[in-house]
Protein backbone atom coordinates (compact mmCIF):
# COMPACT_ATOMS: atom_id res chain seq x y z
CA MET A 1 36.56 2.26 47.11
CA LYS A 2 37.15 1.06 43.54
CA THR A 3 38.04 3.58 40.89
CA LEU A 4 35.70 4.14 37.94
CA GLU A 5 38.23 2.56 35.63
CA GLU A 6 38.45 -0.54 37.85
CA CYS A 7 34.64 -0.82 37.85
CA ARG A 8 34.52 -0.56 34.07
CA GLN A 9 37.22 -3.20 33.64
CA GLU A 10 35.35 -5.55 35.99
CA ILE A 11 32.08 -5.00 34.10
CA ASP A 12 33.84 -5.79 30.80
CA GLU A 13 35.12 -9.07 32.24
CA ILE A 14 31.67 -10.02 33.57
CA ASP A 15 30.04 -9.12 30.22
CA THR A 16 32.49 -11.35 28.41
CA LYS A 17 31.44 -14.29 30.59
CA LEU A 18 27.76 -13.39 30.23
CA LEU A 19 27.96 -13.27 26.44
CA SER A 20 29.70 -16.63 26.30
CA LEU A 21 26.95 -18.13 28.46
CA PHE A 22 24.34 -16.32 26.36
CA GLU A 23 25.66 -17.96 23.19
CA ALA A 24 25.54 -21.36 24.88
CA ARG A 25 21.99 -20.78 26.10
CA MET A 26 20.79 -19.71 22.65
CA GLN A 27 22.29 -22.87 21.15
CA VAL A 28 20.32 -24.95 23.63
CA SER A 29 17.21 -22.91 22.75
CA LYS A 30 17.75 -23.92 19.14
CA ASP A 31 18.02 -27.57 20.17
CA VAL A 32 14.76 -27.22 22.11
CA ILE A 33 12.78 -25.82 19.19
CA LEU A 34 14.15 -28.44 16.79
CA TYR A 35 13.11 -31.18 19.21
CA LYS A 36 9.61 -29.70 19.64
CA LEU A 37 9.14 -29.39 15.89
CA ALA A 38 10.32 -32.96 15.33
CA HIS A 39 7.89 -34.28 17.95
CA ASP A 40 4.97 -31.99 17.07
CA MET A 41 4.95 -30.41 20.54
CA GLU A 42 3.46 -27.11 21.64
CA ILE A 43 5.96 -24.41 20.71
CA PHE A 44 5.50 -21.80 23.43
CA GLN A 45 4.52 -22.81 26.96
CA PRO A 46 3.72 -19.79 29.14
CA GLU A 47 3.12 -21.87 32.29
CA ARG A 48 6.64 -23.26 32.09
CA GLU A 49 7.99 -19.74 31.59
CA LYS A 50 6.37 -18.67 34.86
CA LEU A 51 7.96 -21.62 36.68
CA VAL A 52 11.40 -20.82 35.24
CA ILE A 53 11.16 -17.19 36.31
CA GLU A 54 10.00 -18.10 39.82
CA LYS A 55 12.82 -20.64 40.22
CA SER A 56 15.33 -18.08 38.96
CA LYS A 57 14.18 -15.49 41.49
CA GLN A 58 14.82 -17.93 44.33
CA LYS A 59 18.43 -18.32 43.23
CA ILE A 60 19.18 -14.62 43.75
CA GLN A 61 20.59 -13.94 47.23
CA GLN A 62 19.96 -10.19 47.48
CA GLU A 63 16.28 -9.55 48.09
CA ASN A 64 16.32 -6.15 46.38
CA LEU A 65 17.63 -7.75 43.18
CA LYS A 66 15.05 -10.53 42.83
CA GLU A 67 12.66 -8.54 40.60
CA TYR A 68 15.54 -7.31 38.45
CA GLY A 69 16.66 -10.91 38.07
CA ALA A 70 13.15 -11.92 37.01
CA GLN A 71 13.16 -9.20 34.36
CA LEU A 72 16.56 -10.40 33.13
CA ILE A 73 15.35 -13.98 32.74
CA GLN A 74 12.13 -12.81 31.03
CA SER A 75 14.18 -10.76 28.56
CA ILE A 76 16.47 -13.70 27.83
CA MET A 77 13.48 -15.99 27.27
CA ASP A 78 11.90 -13.42 24.94
CA LEU A 79 15.13 -13.30 22.95
CA SER A 80 15.22 -17.10 22.89
CA LYS A 81 11.67 -17.28 21.52
CA ASP A 82 12.54 -14.70 18.90
CA TYR A 83 15.59 -16.74 17.90
CA GLN A 84 13.59 -20.00 17.93
CA ALA A 85 11.08 -18.49 15.52
CA GLU A 86 13.86 -18.36 12.92
CA PHE A 87 13.70 -22.17 12.77
CA ILE A 88 9.92 -22.48 12.51
CA PRO A 89 8.87 -23.11 8.90
CA GLU A 90 7.15 -19.99 7.59
CA LYS A 91 3.47 -20.81 7.75
CA PHE A 92 2.01 -17.35 7.42
CA GLU A 93 0.63 -17.22 3.90
CA ILE A 94 -0.91 -14.24 2.15
CA GLU A 95 -3.04 -14.53 -0.95
CA ALA A 96 -3.02 -11.14 -2.64
CA HIS A 97 -4.39 -10.08 -6.00
CA ALA A 98 -3.46 -7.33 -8.43
CA PRO A 99 -5.58 -4.19 -7.98
CA LEU A 100 -8.50 -3.69 -10.32
CA SER A 101 -7.67 -1.30 -13.12
CA LYS A 102 -8.83 2.25 -12.53
CA ASN A 103 -9.17 2.60 -16.28
CA GLU A 104 -12.31 0.45 -16.30
CA MET A 105 -15.70 1.65 -15.06
CA LEU A 106 -15.76 0.72 -11.39
CA LYS A 107 -18.77 0.75 -9.09
CA VAL A 108 -17.84 2.51 -5.84
CA GLY A 109 -19.99 3.39 -2.84
CA TYR A 110 -19.72 5.87 0.03
CA GLN A 111 -21.83 6.83 3.04
CA GLY A 112 -23.91 10.01 2.83
CA VAL A 113 -25.41 12.07 0.04
CA GLU A 114 -23.92 14.30 -2.62
CA GLY A 115 -21.61 16.81 -0.99
CA ALA A 116 -20.39 14.44 1.71
CA PHE A 117 -16.71 14.30 2.60
CA GLY A 118 -16.80 10.64 1.61
CA GLN A 119 -17.65 11.68 -1.93
CA GLU A 120 -14.69 14.05 -1.95
CA ALA A 121 -12.34 11.30 -0.77
CA LEU A 122 -13.77 8.91 -3.38
CA GLU A 123 -13.23 11.38 -6.20
CA MET A 124 -9.66 12.10 -5.08
CA TYR A 125 -8.75 8.41 -4.88
CA PHE A 126 -10.47 7.27 -8.07
CA SER A 127 -9.22 9.94 -10.44
CA SER A 128 -10.95 8.33 -13.42
CA LYS A 129 -14.70 8.20 -13.92
CA VAL A 130 -16.53 5.74 -11.68
CA ASP A 131 -20.13 4.69 -11.16
CA VAL A 132 -20.80 6.28 -7.77
CA LYS A 133 -23.46 5.06 -5.35
CA HIS A 134 -24.28 6.52 -1.97
CA TYR A 135 -25.77 4.90 1.12
CA ASP A 136 -27.34 6.12 4.35
CA GLN A 137 -25.22 4.21 6.88
CA PHE A 138 -21.66 2.91 7.05
CA GLU A 139 -22.95 -0.65 7.25
CA ASP A 140 -25.01 -0.08 4.11
CA VAL A 141 -21.73 0.37 2.22
CA PHE A 142 -20.47 -2.94 3.59
CA LYS A 143 -23.73 -4.67 2.73
CA ALA A 144 -23.59 -3.29 -0.82
CA LEU A 145 -20.07 -4.67 -1.22
CA ASP A 146 -21.17 -7.98 0.24
CA HIS A 147 -24.09 -8.17 -2.24
CA HIS A 148 -21.86 -7.27 -5.23
CA GLU A 149 -23.66 -3.95 -5.83
CA ILE A 150 -20.28 -2.21 -5.74
CA GLN A 151 -16.67 -3.27 -6.21
CA TYR A 152 -15.22 -0.89 -3.63
CA GLY A 153 -16.46 1.14 -0.70
CA VAL A 154 -15.03 4.35 0.76
CA VAL A 155 -15.51 4.95 4.50
CA PRO A 156 -13.77 7.14 7.11
CA ILE A 157 -11.54 5.41 9.64
CA GLU A 158 -10.04 8.23 11.71
CA ASN A 159 -9.89 11.98 12.16
CA SER A 160 -6.77 13.86 13.16
CA SER A 161 -8.52 15.72 15.99
CA THR A 162 -11.26 13.35 17.20
CA GLY A 163 -9.60 9.99 16.63
CA ALA A 164 -10.88 6.62 15.46
CA ILE A 165 -14.32 5.95 14.00
CA ASN A 166 -14.98 2.82 15.99
CA ASP A 167 -18.03 1.61 14.06
CA VAL A 168 -15.91 1.20 10.94
CA TYR A 169 -13.28 -0.87 12.79
CA ASP A 170 -16.03 -3.20 13.99
CA LEU A 171 -17.54 -3.48 10.51
CA ILE A 172 -14.18 -4.38 8.94
CA ARG A 173 -13.84 -7.22 11.43
CA ASN A 174 -17.44 -8.40 11.14
CA TYR A 175 -17.57 -8.48 7.33
CA GLY A 176 -14.06 -9.79 6.74
CA PHE A 177 -13.27 -7.31 3.95
CA TYR A 178 -9.86 -5.85 3.16
CA ILE A 179 -8.37 -2.40 3.16
CA VAL A 180 -7.00 -1.84 -0.35
CA GLY A 181 -6.33 1.90 -0.29
CA GLU A 182 -6.51 5.08 1.73
CA GLN A 183 -7.16 8.75 1.08
CA SER A 184 -6.61 11.58 3.53
CA ILE A 185 -8.49 14.84 2.95
CA SER A 186 -8.50 18.22 4.67
CA ILE A 187 -11.76 18.81 6.52
CA ALA A 188 -13.24 22.30 6.90
CA GLN A 189 -16.48 22.52 8.85
CA HIS A 190 -18.93 25.42 8.38
CA LEU A 191 -22.20 26.40 10.03
CA LEU A 192 -24.91 26.32 7.35
CA ALA A 193 -28.47 27.63 7.49
CA LEU A 194 -31.28 28.82 5.23
CA PRO A 195 -30.74 32.09 3.36
CA GLY A 196 -31.78 35.01 5.55
CA ALA A 197 -31.21 33.17 8.81
CA GLU A 198 -29.04 34.82 11.46
CA LEU A 199 -26.93 33.14 14.09
CA SER A 200 -29.38 34.42 16.71
CA ASP A 201 -32.18 32.48 14.96
CA ILE A 202 -30.49 29.09 15.33
CA GLN A 203 -31.86 26.81 18.04
CA GLU A 204 -30.74 23.40 16.73
CA VAL A 205 -27.64 22.21 14.91
CA TYR A 206 -27.25 18.85 13.13
CA SER A 207 -24.16 17.01 11.93
CA HIS A 208 -22.32 13.72 12.06
CA PRO A 209 -21.02 13.11 15.61
CA GLN A 210 -17.50 13.71 14.30
CA GLY A 211 -18.58 17.05 12.79
CA LEU A 212 -20.04 18.10 16.14
CA ALA A 213 -16.94 16.94 18.00
CA GLN A 214 -14.61 18.71 15.59
CA SER A 215 -16.52 21.98 16.15
CA ILE A 216 -16.88 21.69 19.92
CA GLN A 217 -14.98 24.87 20.75
CA PHE A 218 -17.27 27.00 18.58
CA LEU A 219 -20.42 25.23 19.76
CA ASP A 220 -19.48 25.87 23.37
CA THR A 221 -19.76 29.59 22.64
CA CYS A 222 -23.41 29.01 21.61
CA PRO A 223 -24.95 27.38 24.72
CA ASN A 224 -28.51 28.05 23.52
CA ILE A 225 -28.08 25.90 20.40
CA ARG A 226 -29.00 22.26 20.97
CA ARG A 227 -26.85 19.68 19.22
CA PHE A 228 -28.20 16.65 17.38
CA PRO A 229 -26.13 13.86 15.78
CA TYR A 230 -27.01 12.94 12.19
CA PRO A 231 -25.73 10.09 10.00
CA ASN A 232 -23.71 12.39 7.73
CA THR A 233 -22.75 16.07 7.42
CA ALA A 234 -24.15 16.47 3.90
CA MET A 235 -27.32 14.60 4.90
CA ALA A 236 -27.73 17.11 7.74
CA ALA A 237 -27.40 19.99 5.25
CA LYS A 238 -29.98 18.41 2.97
CA MET A 239 -32.37 17.94 5.90
CA VAL A 240 -32.06 21.61 6.89
CA MET A 241 -32.89 22.63 3.32
CA GLU A 242 -35.89 20.28 3.17
CA THR A 243 -37.38 21.41 6.50
CA ASN A 244 -37.18 25.07 5.43
CA ASP A 245 -36.80 25.98 9.10
CA LYS A 246 -34.60 29.00 9.92
CA THR A 247 -34.07 27.75 13.47
CA LYS A 248 -32.15 24.72 12.22
CA ALA A 249 -28.51 24.64 11.05
CA ALA A 250 -26.06 22.03 9.87
CA ILE A 251 -22.31 21.62 10.19
CA ALA A 252 -21.00 20.57 6.81
CA SER A 253 -18.82 21.54 3.84
CA LYS A 254 -18.98 24.49 1.46
CA LYS A 255 -19.88 22.05 -1.29
CA ALA A 256 -22.91 20.92 0.72
CA ALA A 257 -23.93 24.58 1.14
CA GLU A 258 -23.75 25.11 -2.63
CA LEU A 259 -25.62 21.90 -3.45
CA TYR A 260 -28.49 22.52 -1.04
CA GLY A 261 -28.79 26.29 -1.36
CA LEU A 262 -27.73 27.08 2.19
CA HIS A 263 -26.05 30.19 3.55
CA ILE A 264 -22.74 29.96 5.44
CA LEU A 265 -23.36 31.64 8.79
CA LYS A 266 -19.87 30.96 10.10
CA GLU A 267 -16.84 29.63 8.20
CA ASN A 268 -14.18 27.27 9.51
CA ILE A 269 -15.70 26.48 12.88
CA HIS A 270 -13.58 23.33 13.35
CA THR A 271 -11.30 23.61 16.36
CA ASP A 272 -8.18 22.08 14.77
CA LYS A 273 -7.22 24.11 11.73
CA THR A 274 -5.11 21.18 10.46
CA ASN A 275 -8.20 18.96 10.61
CA HIS A 276 -7.92 15.88 8.36
CA THR A 277 -9.93 12.70 7.96
CA ARG A 278 -8.41 9.48 6.71
CA PHE A 279 -10.70 7.39 4.54
CA ILE A 280 -10.07 3.78 3.61
CA VAL A 281 -11.04 1.95 0.44
CA ILE A 282 -12.46 -1.50 1.17
CA GLY A 283 -12.68 -4.46 -1.19
CA LYS A 284 -13.54 -8.16 -1.07
CA GLN A 285 -10.02 -9.32 -1.95
CA MET A 286 -6.61 -8.53 -0.57
CA GLU A 287 -4.66 -6.49 -3.13
CA SER A 288 -0.95 -5.88 -3.39
CA ASN A 289 1.76 -4.55 -5.64
CA GLU A 290 5.37 -3.50 -5.22
CA ASP A 291 4.47 0.12 -4.41
CA TYR A 292 2.28 -0.69 -1.40
CA ASN A 293 4.02 0.46 1.78
CA ARG A 294 1.52 0.13 4.62
CA ILE A 295 0.02 -2.95 6.29
CA SER A 296 -2.96 -3.13 8.65
CA ILE A 297 -3.45 -6.09 10.96
CA MET A 298 -5.92 -7.13 13.66
CA CYS A 299 -5.08 -9.47 16.51
CA SER A 300 -6.41 -10.78 19.79
CA LEU A 301 -3.97 -11.73 22.51
CA LYS A 302 -3.64 -14.19 25.32
CA HIS A 303 -4.90 -12.65 28.57
CA GLU A 304 -1.51 -12.56 30.26
CA VAL A 305 1.15 -10.10 31.32
CA GLY A 306 3.30 -8.78 28.47
CA ALA A 307 1.17 -10.17 25.62
CA LEU A 308 0.88 -6.84 23.82
CA ALA A 309 4.50 -5.95 24.56
CA THR A 310 5.57 -9.16 22.82
CA ILE A 311 3.82 -8.12 19.60
CA LEU A 312 5.19 -4.60 19.75
CA ASN A 313 8.69 -5.97 20.35
CA ILE A 314 8.39 -8.17 17.25
CA ILE A 315 7.52 -5.08 15.21
CA ARG A 316 10.42 -3.17 16.75
CA ASN A 317 12.94 -5.99 16.38
CA HIS A 318 12.14 -6.28 12.67
CA HIS A 319 12.64 -2.53 12.26
CA LEU A 320 9.05 -1.95 11.14
CA ASN A 321 7.70 1.52 11.83
CA MET A 322 4.38 1.25 13.66
CA VAL A 323 2.17 4.20 12.75
CA ARG A 324 -1.08 3.42 14.56
CA ILE A 325 -2.64 1.20 17.21
CA GLU A 326 -6.29 1.03 18.30
CA SER A 327 -8.23 -1.34 20.54
CA ARG A 328 -11.85 -2.51 20.43
CA PRO A 329 -13.57 -4.71 23.03
CA ILE A 330 -14.21 -8.40 22.43
CA HIS A 331 -17.89 -8.61 23.32
CA SER A 332 -17.78 -12.26 24.33
CA LYS A 333 -14.77 -11.70 26.64
CA PRO A 334 -15.16 -8.81 29.11
CA TRP A 335 -12.06 -6.62 29.46
CA GLN A 336 -10.29 -8.27 26.56
CA TYR A 337 -9.64 -6.51 23.27
CA TYR A 338 -8.95 -6.73 19.58
CA PHE A 339 -5.91 -4.66 18.62
CA TYR A 340 -5.69 -2.93 15.26
CA ILE A 341 -2.14 -2.07 14.23
CA ASP A 342 -0.79 -0.25 11.18
CA PHE A 343 2.89 -0.44 10.27
CA GLU A 344 5.02 0.41 7.27
CA GLY A 345 6.22 -2.31 4.93
CA ASN A 346 5.40 -4.41 1.89
CA ILE A 347 3.59 -7.69 2.38
CA LYS A 348 5.99 -9.50 0.02
CA ASP A 349 9.07 -8.45 2.00
CA PRO A 350 10.61 -11.58 3.65
CA ASN A 351 11.29 -9.51 6.78
CA VAL A 352 7.58 -8.66 7.05
CA ILE A 353 6.60 -12.31 6.53
CA LYS A 354 8.98 -13.35 9.32
CA ALA A 355 7.51 -10.74 11.63
CA LEU A 356 3.96 -11.88 10.87
CA THR A 357 4.95 -15.50 11.43
CA LYS A 358 6.30 -14.64 14.88
CA MET A 359 3.17 -12.64 15.67
CA GLN A 360 1.03 -15.60 14.63
CA TYR A 361 2.71 -17.80 17.23
CA ASN A 362 2.16 -15.16 19.92
CA THR A 363 -1.50 -14.32 19.29
CA GLU A 364 -4.79 -16.12 19.63
CA LEU A 365 -5.96 -14.59 16.34
CA LEU A 366 -4.02 -12.71 13.69
CA ARG A 367 -5.53 -11.34 10.50
CA VAL A 368 -4.01 -9.06 7.88
CA LEU A 369 -6.68 -6.47 7.16
CA GLY A 370 -4.95 -5.14 4.08
CA THR A 371 -1.93 -3.71 2.41
CA TYR A 372 -1.98 -0.48 0.43
CA GLN A 373 -0.19 2.70 -0.62
CA GLN A 374 0.00 5.38 2.06
CA SER A 375 -1.72 8.56 0.90
């Protein structure tokens, strides 16, 4: 039996040979990409990759090592493609504009009525006076921006306890607008009813689906209260006030209770006491400045093994901190998805541009959704 020291010395010798061969292989990879570029050939050829891996497996004598060998070759080819991308002329171009001045009177819209959490996020983000407009549905905000009624819209994108707001992801893609800012706010949900109403009187409760989901633990203790989704928490509070029905309640904010003359039957009924909602500010143009430190992208991938891993590896290899990933179905392609990814960085950083260029060559569709300052 070999000693541990003998094994280590032998591994060092093998690694030295491997690294020398690795350098030679990477040089040939460079020659390949230069030839393809000169002859306007397809850069990456997945079918050839599969053939190379299969041929390589057949060259391995030990049956139990064939799959390991295939993984080794795949890793080397991934490194080769990453290296080859260094020689591809940077084609990923971003046209970004300076943000509109917050010192001028801006028209900004949100979903809901006065007292909605969207209004709170809007007021926190736009510290100066703005011309505020409110709309019934999320898509109404997008339509208003599309029709030049407003210059910015404020909509929720995710909650810390209930996750993504999928409708907004779909609307961002469908309308082609950009994320130009974000604002995270603490969310406290309360059970509101008409003055004089008791908890025992309540038969129905209304709120945005997220408000209901965020209060699920409390609601489960009230099995006799039926739950009804409503477009917005503040709109639910307003409806309860207008119906003047003591059997109805809303889940909304303290501000909504004050605005619509409702009584707080139960405070802080949200399950997660660190409950936060992240709102995004949408605009018609991409905006950027040197302080922006977060980038959101959307991509669709080739329907093949390792497609998503390739994109994530590009992010990792360029030392970009990924902070979020979501998927949404592609309706025209069953079981295929759009991926929404947020990572830290500035869009003018050459390292970020290189990463996006590599992603572009490894995706069917790549779109930068926006760049902005993390709140």
